């Protein structure tokens, strides 16, 4: 990373950064960026979040190795209207994928065409949604870790992982990358964002299964039948990756191609070989569980649904991901029936 002090702004003014989406990721990144007084931040979100941050301030906390970090700001410029977005030199989109289509239509009249747009959503096909409506340069960034709200205005990174930031010649994007690094957030610059996106989807295939299981993540991973379902869904995705000749980026200690084999191991052996994978808050759950709990539409179409759609395009069978999609749609429609994972494995012919 280059020294922040070496950066020269030819415009003679501060960079203005628009963060659209005041959820966990948006607030977490805003708190970190706010540590640099050479930036002007514009955070866009809903009324209730603006009131919360006005009352409690904004704090992000995270850990890198054995070192703990915290970034706090007493106040941040918060907007519920997108009119002020016209001032932004760069825009970070941190809303959920399900909100993107409508959001892009709303922000388009207030976005200068020369401003880079960074999309930080889960799933694939994200850039296509944005690029179909905007003439701006659109980049993907990947957040492979979870962020949870621990108290009003307080957001904590709850799992490990490096922020994946796109390689680019845009000075403002390089500046933000340097800033994240200088503040102690683990970050890697990636030229092949498709590989990064595909590797992240491999891990995100568990979001739906975790929600369906109704178990904390660690407890779910300790149950072999749930792991067998996850491994099978991953194999389907890896077959599509092979068809597209994309090698998914590796985010865990186990390579993407070996991950399904490790998940299929007997419980006693999995516990021994996957100890790093099990270093999780015992009560942690994935985001789709919270979406269903709060009656929100899930991102299933961008995750397991994307596997099914691409499988249909290439003639690759995806029965496991199809079954997962159907279960989530039932939950979205109000069902509360929980499948037995052993029966589900038998029905799908998993060995």
Protein backbone atom coordinates (compact mmCIF):
# COMPACT_ATOMS: atom_id res chain seq x y z
CA UNK A 1 0.00 0.00 0.00
CA UNK A 2 1.22 3.47 -0.80
CA UNK A 3 1.74 6.04 1.94
CA UNK A 4 -1.41 8.12 2.33
CA UNK A 5 0.68 11.27 2.67
CA UNK A 6 2.06 10.75 -0.84
CA UNK A 7 -1.38 11.20 -2.41
CA UNK A 8 -1.93 14.57 -4.08
CA UNK A 9 -5.40 15.83 -4.99
CA UNK A 10 -5.31 17.94 -8.10
CA UNK A 11 -8.81 19.26 -7.41
CA UNK A 12 -7.63 21.22 -4.38
CA UNK A 13 -10.43 19.92 -2.17
CA UNK A 14 -11.32 16.88 -0.10
CA UNK A 15 -12.69 13.74 -1.67
CA UNK A 16 -16.40 13.30 -1.05
CA UNK A 17 -17.48 9.68 -0.54
CA UNK A 18 -21.13 8.66 -0.80
CA UNK A 19 -22.10 5.49 1.09
CA UNK A 20 -25.58 4.40 0.01
CA UNK A 21 -27.04 1.99 2.55
CA UNK A 22 -26.77 2.46 6.32
CA UNK A 23 -26.90 -1.20 7.24
CA UNK A 24 -24.17 -3.14 9.03
CA UNK A 25 -21.61 -3.05 6.20
CA UNK A 26 -22.30 0.56 5.27
CA UNK A 27 -22.02 1.79 8.85
CA UNK A 28 -18.92 -0.33 9.54
CA UNK A 29 -17.03 1.06 6.54
CA UNK A 30 -18.25 4.60 7.22
CA UNK A 31 -16.82 4.54 10.76
CA UNK A 32 -13.42 3.50 9.40
CA UNK A 33 -13.40 6.05 6.57
CA UNK A 34 -14.44 8.78 9.02
CA UNK A 35 -11.05 8.53 10.74
CA UNK A 36 -9.53 10.47 7.82
CA UNK A 37 -10.36 14.16 8.09
CA UNK A 38 -9.32 14.61 4.44
CA UNK A 39 -12.55 12.87 3.43
CA UNK A 40 -16.08 14.23 3.45
CA UNK A 41 -18.55 11.39 4.00
CA UNK A 42 -22.18 11.36 2.95
CA UNK A 43 -24.11 8.42 4.41
CA UNK A 44 -27.54 7.70 2.93
CA UNK A 45 -30.17 5.64 4.71
CA UNK A 46 -33.54 5.57 6.39
CA UNK A 47 -34.85 8.02 8.98
CA UNK A 48 -34.63 5.65 11.95
CA UNK A 49 -30.94 4.96 11.29
CA UNK A 50 -30.16 8.66 11.09
CA UNK A 51 -31.82 9.19 14.47
CA UNK A 52 -29.89 6.26 15.96
CA UNK A 53 -26.52 7.56 14.80
CA UNK A 54 -27.34 11.09 15.92
CA UNK A 55 -28.08 9.79 19.41
CA UNK A 56 -25.29 7.21 19.79
CA UNK A 57 -22.56 8.09 17.29
CA UNK A 58 -20.95 5.41 15.14
CA UNK A 59 -18.34 2.84 16.16
CA UNK A 60 -16.73 -0.03 14.24
CA UNK A 61 -14.57 -2.70 15.89
CA UNK A 62 -12.56 -5.51 14.36
CA UNK A 63 -9.58 -7.74 14.90
CA UNK A 64 -6.55 -8.54 12.74
CA UNK A 65 -4.54 -11.38 14.18
CA UNK A 66 -4.12 -10.69 17.90
CA UNK A 67 -4.53 -6.93 17.47
CA UNK A 68 -7.89 -5.24 18.16
CA UNK A 69 -9.01 -2.09 16.35
CA UNK A 70 -11.79 0.40 16.92
CA UNK A 71 -12.95 3.41 14.93
CA UNK A 72 -15.47 5.88 16.34
CA UNK A 73 -17.05 9.09 15.15
CA UNK A 74 -19.41 11.31 17.12
CA UNK A 75 -21.39 12.45 14.09
CA UNK A 76 -21.64 11.70 10.38
CA UNK A 77 -23.44 13.63 7.64
CA UNK A 78 -26.60 11.56 7.17
CA UNK A 79 -29.15 11.96 4.37
CA UNK A 80 -32.50 10.38 3.58
CA UNK A 81 -32.74 12.07 0.18
CA UNK A 82 -30.29 11.30 -2.64
CA UNK A 83 -30.07 14.90 -3.89
CA UNK A 84 -26.69 15.46 -2.18
CA UNK A 85 -25.23 12.42 -3.96
CA UNK A 86 -24.36 14.76 -6.82
CA UNK A 87 -21.46 15.99 -4.65
CA UNK A 88 -19.84 12.54 -4.35
CA UNK A 89 -16.54 11.71 -6.09
CA UNK A 90 -17.10 8.00 -5.47
CA UNK A 91 -20.17 5.98 -4.44
CA UNK A 92 -20.20 2.80 -2.38
CA UNK A 93 -23.43 0.79 -2.69
CA UNK A 94 -23.92 -1.18 0.52
CA UNK A 95 -27.62 -2.07 0.31
CA UNK A 96 -28.75 -5.67 -0.13
CA UNK A 97 -28.86 -7.09 -3.65
CA UNK A 98 -32.66 -7.27 -3.49
CA UNK A 99 -32.84 -3.48 -3.24
CA UNK A 100 -30.46 -2.69 -6.09
CA UNK A 101 -32.81 -2.38 -9.07
CA UNK A 102 -35.09 0.14 -7.41
CA UNK A 103 -32.19 1.94 -5.74
CA UNK A 104 -30.24 2.50 -8.95
CA UNK A 105 -33.30 4.10 -10.54
CA UNK A 106 -33.56 6.44 -7.55
CA UNK A 107 -29.93 7.53 -7.47
CA UNK A 108 -29.39 7.84 -11.23
CA UNK A 109 -30.63 11.46 -11.51
CA UNK A 110 -28.24 12.50 -8.71
CA UNK A 111 -25.10 10.71 -9.87
CA UNK A 112 -22.42 12.36 -11.98
CA UNK A 113 -21.49 10.06 -14.91
CA UNK A 114 -17.73 10.31 -14.22
CA UNK A 115 -18.06 8.95 -10.67
CA UNK A 116 -16.99 5.32 -10.03
CA UNK A 117 -19.59 3.11 -8.35
CA UNK A 118 -18.47 0.28 -6.04
CA UNK A 119 -20.94 -2.57 -5.46
CA UNK A 120 -20.42 -4.57 -2.24
CA UNK A 121 -23.36 -7.01 -2.45
CA UNK A 122 -23.41 -10.78 -2.09
CA UNK A 123 -24.14 -12.88 -5.15
CA UNK A 124 -23.40 -12.74 -8.85
CA UNK A 125 -24.92 -10.69 -11.63
CA UNK A 126 -24.67 -7.58 -9.46
CA UNK A 127 -22.63 -5.47 -11.89
CA UNK A 128 -25.03 -6.31 -14.73
CA UNK A 129 -28.00 -4.95 -12.74
CA UNK A 130 -26.23 -1.66 -12.07
CA UNK A 131 -24.58 -1.30 -15.46
CA UNK A 132 -27.90 -1.84 -17.24
CA UNK A 133 -29.14 1.47 -15.79
CA UNK A 134 -26.00 3.57 -15.30
CA UNK A 135 -23.27 4.80 -17.62
CA UNK A 136 -20.81 5.02 -14.72
CA UNK A 137 -17.83 2.71 -14.34
CA UNK A 138 -19.00 -0.05 -11.99
CA UNK A 139 -16.61 -2.06 -9.83
CA UNK A 140 -17.17 -4.99 -7.50
CA UNK A 141 -15.73 -5.22 -4.01
CA UNK A 142 -16.17 -8.30 -1.83
CA UNK A 143 -16.78 -8.36 1.92
CA UNK A 144 -16.03 -11.96 2.96
CA UNK A 145 -16.56 -11.33 6.67
CA UNK A 146 -19.73 -10.80 8.69
CA UNK A 147 -20.56 -7.57 10.51
CA UNK A 148 -23.14 -7.49 13.30
CA UNK A 149 -24.74 -4.65 15.22
CA UNK A 150 -23.90 -5.19 18.90
CA UNK A 151 -25.65 -2.07 20.26
CA UNK A 152 -27.16 1.12 18.83
CA UNK A 153 -24.51 2.70 16.61
CA UNK A 154 -21.98 -0.09 17.28
CA UNK A 155 -20.90 -2.55 14.58
CA UNK A 156 -18.45 -5.41 15.00
CA UNK A 157 -16.70 -7.68 12.51
CA UNK A 158 -17.73 -11.14 13.73
CA UNK A 159 -15.72 -13.40 11.41
CA UNK A 160 -12.33 -13.30 9.72
CA UNK A 161 -11.54 -12.29 6.17
CA UNK A 162 -9.89 -9.58 4.07
CA UNK A 163 -11.82 -6.90 2.23
CA UNK A 164 -11.32 -7.58 -1.49
CA UNK A 165 -10.89 -4.30 -3.36
CA UNK A 166 -10.70 -3.94 -7.16
CA UNK A 167 -7.44 -3.02 -8.85
CA UNK A 168 -7.94 0.29 -10.67
CA UNK A 169 -6.23 3.46 -11.80
CA UNK A 170 -8.89 5.69 -10.18
CA UNK A 171 -7.00 7.81 -7.66
CA UNK A 172 -9.95 8.03 -5.26
CA UNK A 173 -10.33 4.24 -5.17
CA UNK A 174 -6.61 3.79 -4.51
CA UNK A 175 -6.88 6.38 -1.76
CA UNK A 176 -9.68 4.50 -0.02
CA UNK A 177 -7.76 1.23 -0.27
CA UNK A 178 -4.72 2.86 1.33
CA UNK A 179 -6.92 4.33 4.03
CA UNK A 180 -8.52 0.99 4.94
CA UNK A 181 -5.03 -0.52 5.18
CA UNK A 182 -3.69 2.36 7.27
CA UNK A 183 -6.57 1.97 9.72
CA UNK A 184 -5.78 -1.72 10.28
CA UNK A 185 -8.50 -3.32 8.18
CA UNK A 186 -7.19 -6.34 6.28
CA UNK A 187 -7.52 -5.62 2.56
CA UNK A 188 -6.30 -7.25 -0.64
CA UNK A 189 -6.25 -5.71 -4.10
CA UNK A 190 -7.68 -8.06 -6.72
CA UNK A 191 -7.46 -7.80 -10.50
CA UNK A 192 -9.72 -10.82 -11.18
CA UNK A 193 -12.95 -9.82 -9.49
CA UNK A 194 -14.94 -12.53 -11.26
CA UNK A 195 -12.84 -15.17 -9.50
CA UNK A 196 -13.33 -13.28 -6.23
CA UNK A 197 -17.07 -13.07 -6.78
CA UNK A 198 -17.37 -16.76 -7.69
CA UNK A 199 -15.30 -17.82 -4.68
CA UNK A 200 -17.47 -15.74 -2.36
CA UNK A 201 -20.63 -17.33 -3.80
CA UNK A 202 -19.20 -20.74 -2.96
CA UNK A 203 -19.21 -19.76 0.72
CA UNK A 204 -22.51 -17.87 0.50
CA UNK A 205 -24.29 -21.07 -0.59
CA UNK A 206 -24.52 -21.85 3.12
CA UNK A 207 -26.57 -18.73 3.90
CA UNK A 208 -29.82 -20.43 2.94
CA UNK A 209 -28.99 -23.75 4.60
CA UNK A 210 -28.10 -21.98 7.83
CA UNK A 211 -31.47 -20.22 7.76
CA UNK A 212 -33.34 -23.45 6.97
CA UNK A 213 -31.55 -25.39 9.71
CA UNK A 214 -32.61 -22.81 12.33
CA UNK A 215 -29.28 -23.48 14.07
CA UNK A 216 -26.34 -21.25 14.99
CA UNK A 217 -23.66 -21.53 12.32
CA UNK A 218 -21.17 -23.50 14.40
CA UNK A 219 -23.82 -26.01 15.47
CA UNK A 220 -24.98 -26.41 11.88
CA UNK A 221 -21.44 -27.09 10.66
CA UNK A 222 -20.99 -29.75 13.34
CA UNK A 223 -23.96 -31.68 11.89
CA UNK A 224 -22.79 -33.91 9.04
CA UNK A 225 -26.09 -34.05 7.14
CA UNK A 226 -26.24 -30.27 6.89
CA UNK A 227 -22.61 -30.32 5.72
CA UNK A 228 -23.44 -32.98 3.10
CA UNK A 229 -26.15 -30.74 1.68
CA UNK A 230 -23.75 -27.81 1.61
CA UNK A 231 -21.04 -29.89 -0.05
CA UNK A 232 -23.46 -31.06 -2.73
CA UNK A 233 -24.61 -27.50 -3.47
CA UNK A 234 -20.95 -26.46 -3.75
CA UNK A 235 -20.17 -29.28 -6.18
CA UNK A 236 -22.95 -28.05 -8.45
CA UNK A 237 -21.49 -24.54 -8.40
CA UNK A 238 -17.95 -25.78 -9.00
CA UNK A 239 -19.18 -27.69 -12.07
CA UNK A 240 -20.53 -24.40 -13.46
CA UNK A 241 -17.27 -22.62 -12.62
CA UNK A 242 -15.39 -25.31 -14.55
CA UNK A 243 -17.73 -24.86 -17.51
CA UNK A 244 -17.02 -21.12 -17.49
CA UNK A 245 -13.30 -21.77 -16.94
CA UNK A 246 -13.26 -19.64 -13.80
CA UNK A 247 -11.13 -20.69 -10.84
CA UNK A 248 -12.94 -19.41 -7.73
CA UNK A 249 -10.81 -17.39 -5.37
CA UNK A 250 -9.81 -19.17 -2.16
CA UNK A 251 -11.05 -17.55 1.05
CA UNK A 252 -10.49 -20.34 3.56
CA UNK A 253 -7.58 -22.57 4.56
CA UNK A 254 -9.09 -25.26 2.30
CA UNK A 255 -9.06 -24.81 -1.48
CA UNK A 256 -12.45 -24.42 -3.20
CA UNK A 257 -12.18 -27.77 -4.99
CA UNK A 258 -11.33 -29.63 -1.76
CA UNK A 259 -13.89 -27.88 0.42
CA UNK A 260 -16.82 -30.22 -0.45
CA UNK A 261 -14.65 -33.25 0.42
CA UNK A 262 -13.74 -31.79 3.80
CA UNK A 263 -17.39 -30.99 4.53
CA UNK A 264 -18.34 -34.59 3.73
CA UNK A 265 -15.98 -36.05 6.33
CA UNK A 266 -17.36 -37.85 9.40
CA UNK A 267 -18.00 -35.53 12.33
CA UNK A 268 -14.99 -36.69 14.40
CA UNK A 269 -12.56 -36.13 11.50
CA UNK A 270 -14.16 -32.87 10.42
CA UNK A 271 -13.76 -31.48 13.94
CA UNK A 272 -10.05 -32.30 13.84
CA UNK A 273 -9.24 -31.07 10.33
CA UNK A 274 -11.55 -28.06 10.16
CA UNK A 275 -10.83 -26.52 13.56
CA UNK A 276 -10.16 -23.09 12.00
CA UNK A 277 -13.51 -23.20 10.21
CA UNK A 278 -15.21 -23.78 13.58
CA UNK A 279 -13.68 -20.74 15.30
CA UNK A 280 -16.99 -18.93 15.25
CA UNK A 281 -19.08 -17.17 17.86
CA UNK A 282 -21.26 -20.05 19.15
CA UNK A 283 -24.41 -17.96 18.67
CA UNK A 284 -23.54 -16.49 15.25
CA UNK A 285 -25.98 -17.00 12.39
CA UNK A 286 -25.85 -15.90 8.76
CA UNK A 287 -27.77 -12.95 7.38
CA UNK A 288 -30.53 -14.85 5.59
CA UNK A 289 -31.76 -16.18 8.92
CA UNK A 290 -32.26 -12.59 10.07
CA UNK A 291 -33.99 -11.69 6.79
CA UNK A 292 -36.54 -14.47 7.26
CA UNK A 293 -36.97 -13.71 10.94
CA UNK A 294 -37.81 -10.09 10.13
CA UNK A 295 -40.02 -10.90 7.16
CA UNK A 296 -37.65 -9.41 4.58
CA UNK A 297 -37.15 -10.72 1.06
CA UNK A 298 -33.95 -12.78 0.91
CA UNK A 299 -31.08 -12.69 -1.56
CA UNK A 300 -31.71 -16.31 -2.60
CA UNK A 301 -32.09 -15.41 -6.30
CA UNK A 302 -28.53 -14.00 -6.32
CA UNK A 303 -27.06 -16.99 -4.46
CA UNK A 304 -28.41 -20.52 -4.90
CA UNK A 305 -30.87 -19.16 -7.45
CA UNK A 306 -27.97 -17.92 -9.58
CA UNK A 307 -26.49 -21.44 -9.53
CA UNK A 308 -29.80 -22.85 -10.77
CA UNK A 309 -30.09 -20.21 -13.52
CA UNK A 310 -26.54 -20.78 -14.81
CA UNK A 311 -27.02 -24.54 -14.56
CA UNK A 312 -30.03 -24.26 -16.85
CA UNK A 313 -27.99 -22.15 -19.29
CA UNK A 314 -25.23 -24.75 -19.53
CA UNK A 315 -27.32 -27.92 -19.16
CA UNK A 316 -25.80 -28.74 -15.75
CA UNK A 317 -28.15 -30.34 -13.22
CA UNK A 318 -28.49 -28.43 -9.95
CA UNK A 319 -31.11 -30.39 -7.95
CA UNK A 320 -29.67 -29.53 -4.53
CA UNK A 321 -29.59 -25.78 -5.13
CA UNK A 322 -33.04 -25.98 -6.71
CA UNK A 323 -34.39 -27.70 -3.59
CA UNK A 324 -32.77 -25.08 -1.35
CA UNK A 325 -34.32 -22.25 -3.40
CA UNK A 326 -37.76 -23.87 -3.12
CA UNK A 327 -37.46 -24.20 0.67
CA UNK A 328 -36.50 -20.54 1.05
CA UNK A 329 -39.42 -19.46 -1.13
CA UNK A 330 -41.72 -21.50 1.13
CA UNK A 331 -40.32 -19.69 4.18
CA UNK A 332 -40.75 -16.34 2.46
CA UNK A 333 -44.39 -17.31 1.89
CA UNK A 334 -44.87 -17.98 5.60
CA UNK A 335 -44.06 -21.67 6.05
CA UNK A 336 -42.35 -22.70 9.29
CA UNK A 337 -41.77 -26.37 8.47
CA UNK A 338 -38.16 -27.42 9.04
CA UNK A 339 -36.82 -30.31 6.91
CA UNK A 340 -34.98 -33.23 8.44
CA UNK A 341 -31.49 -33.05 6.90
CA UNK A 342 -31.01 -36.82 6.83
CA UNK A 343 -34.32 -37.31 4.97
CA UNK A 344 -33.40 -34.47 2.64
CA UNK A 345 -30.07 -36.12 1.83
CA UNK A 346 -31.83 -39.40 1.05
CA UNK A 347 -34.41 -37.71 -1.17
CA UNK A 348 -31.63 -36.00 -3.13
CA UNK A 349 -29.63 -39.22 -3.45
CA UNK A 350 -26.59 -37.94 -1.55
CA UNK A 351 -24.12 -40.58 -0.42
